[in-house]
């Protein structure tokens, strides 16, 4: 699990915290900006398959609050891939790929599993 890719936003405090903790633990981390550098068309389906819709969609985000009822209904029905690709800030961050494993968010459960 040596090469770690952290997908996030440069100004996201949680992403900064995760990146700093992983680097402090001596891990080799590649940061990928989820808005400008990530190939979301390829990644979102993989992340959805690995972690599921409920974990990947950030329903606390400002972007979620701006969605209309029809878009929210699509997400609730499990049709979220296109919406996540079009609105990267709907993706809960960070998304961390460590080998074949995918982790979403940075919590007390995630940090020891990676770091």
Protein backbone atom coordinates (compact mmCIF):
# COMPACT_ATOMS: atom_id res chain seq x y z
CA UNK A 1 0.00 0.00 0.00
CA UNK A 2 2.88 2.35 -0.68
CA UNK A 3 1.66 4.74 -3.38
CA UNK A 4 -1.25 6.76 -2.05
CA UNK A 5 -3.37 9.10 -4.16
CA UNK A 6 -5.41 11.68 -2.29
CA UNK A 7 -8.23 13.29 -4.27
CA UNK A 8 -9.45 16.52 -2.75
CA UNK A 9 -9.48 20.29 -2.87
CA UNK A 10 -6.43 22.37 -2.03
CA UNK A 11 -8.44 24.69 0.22
CA UNK A 12 -10.31 21.90 2.05
CA UNK A 13 -9.23 21.72 5.71
CA UNK A 14 -9.97 17.99 5.96
CA UNK A 15 -7.90 17.28 2.84
CA UNK A 16 -5.01 19.36 4.22
CA UNK A 17 -5.21 17.49 7.52
CA UNK A 18 -5.20 14.09 5.81
CA UNK A 19 -2.31 15.04 3.54
CA UNK A 20 -0.24 16.37 6.43
CA UNK A 21 -0.92 13.28 8.58
CA UNK A 22 0.00 10.87 5.80
CA UNK A 23 3.19 12.76 4.96
CA UNK A 24 4.11 12.95 8.66
CA UNK A 25 3.72 9.15 8.80
CA UNK A 26 6.30 8.90 6.03
CA UNK A 27 3.84 7.88 3.32
CA UNK A 28 4.36 8.85 -0.30
CA UNK A 29 1.24 10.82 -1.26
CA UNK A 30 0.20 12.23 -4.61
CA UNK A 31 -2.40 14.99 -4.32
CA UNK A 32 -4.93 15.28 -7.15
CA UNK A 33 -7.32 18.23 -7.27
CA UNK A 34 -10.75 16.71 -7.68
CA UNK A 35 -12.04 19.69 -9.68
CA UNK A 36 -9.22 20.27 -12.15
CA UNK A 37 -6.95 17.22 -12.34
CA UNK A 38 -9.03 14.11 -11.65
CA UNK A 39 -10.46 11.92 -14.42
CA UNK A 40 -13.84 11.70 -12.72
CA UNK A 41 -15.49 9.87 -15.62
CA UNK A 42 -13.13 6.98 -14.89
CA UNK A 43 -12.90 7.32 -11.10
CA UNK A 44 -16.49 7.95 -9.97
CA UNK A 45 -17.84 4.56 -11.13
CA UNK A 46 -14.94 2.81 -9.37
CA UNK A 47 -15.50 4.76 -6.17
CA UNK A 48 -19.24 4.15 -6.26
CA UNK A 49 -18.67 0.41 -6.73
CA UNK A 50 -16.15 0.34 -3.86
CA UNK A 51 -17.91 2.56 -1.33
CA UNK A 52 -21.48 3.11 -2.41
CA UNK A 53 -23.60 6.12 -2.99
CA UNK A 54 -24.42 6.93 0.63
CA UNK A 55 -20.76 7.26 1.60
CA UNK A 56 -19.54 9.06 -1.51
CA UNK A 57 -22.18 11.80 -1.80
CA UNK A 58 -21.61 14.75 0.51
CA UNK A 59 -25.12 15.75 1.53
CA UNK A 60 -23.72 18.42 3.86
CA UNK A 61 -22.10 20.37 1.01
CA UNK A 62 -23.23 23.72 -0.30
CA UNK A 63 -23.57 22.08 -3.71
CA UNK A 64 -26.10 19.56 -2.33
CA UNK A 65 -28.19 22.40 -0.93
CA UNK A 66 -28.34 24.05 -4.38
CA UNK A 67 -29.66 20.93 -6.15
CA UNK A 68 -33.29 20.94 -7.15
CA UNK A 69 -35.69 18.22 -6.05
CA UNK A 70 -35.35 16.29 -9.32
CA UNK A 71 -31.55 16.12 -9.00
CA UNK A 72 -31.77 15.03 -5.37
CA UNK A 73 -34.31 12.37 -6.35
CA UNK A 74 -31.87 11.03 -8.96
CA UNK A 75 -29.22 10.70 -6.29
CA UNK A 76 -31.60 8.99 -3.88
CA UNK A 77 -32.60 6.57 -6.67
CA UNK A 78 -28.96 5.59 -7.14
CA UNK A 79 -28.35 7.55 -10.35
CA UNK A 80 -25.61 9.83 -9.10
CA UNK A 81 -22.55 9.15 -11.25
CA UNK A 82 -23.26 11.84 -13.88
CA UNK A 83 -24.15 14.37 -11.20
CA UNK A 84 -20.95 13.67 -9.24
CA UNK A 85 -18.86 13.97 -12.40
CA UNK A 86 -20.51 17.30 -13.28
CA UNK A 87 -20.31 18.59 -9.68
CA UNK A 88 -17.08 17.35 -8.06
CA UNK A 89 -17.80 19.24 -4.85
CA UNK A 90 -20.67 16.80 -4.23
CA UNK A 91 -18.05 14.12 -3.60
CA UNK A 92 -17.18 13.67 0.06
CA UNK A 93 -13.50 14.41 0.57
CA UNK A 94 -10.88 13.28 0.62
CA UNK A 95 -11.12 10.18 -1.52
CA UNK A 96 -7.96 8.18 -0.94
CA UNK A 97 -6.72 5.33 -3.09
CA UNK A 98 -4.15 3.16 -1.34
CA UNK A 99 -3.30 0.22 -3.53
CA UNK A 100 -6.60 -1.45 -4.38
CA UNK A 101 -8.41 0.06 -1.41
CA UNK A 102 -10.57 3.18 -1.52
CA UNK A 103 -11.23 5.33 1.54
CA UNK A 104 -13.69 8.23 1.73
CA UNK A 105 -13.33 10.99 4.28
CA UNK A 106 -10.74 11.36 7.01
CA UNK A 107 -11.78 9.98 10.36
CA UNK A 108 -10.43 8.01 13.28
CA UNK A 109 -11.37 4.85 11.37
CA UNK A 110 -9.67 5.82 8.11
CA UNK A 111 -6.43 7.36 9.34
CA UNK A 112 -4.99 4.25 11.07
CA UNK A 113 -5.97 2.03 8.14
CA UNK A 114 -3.83 4.10 5.78
CA UNK A 115 -1.25 5.94 7.85
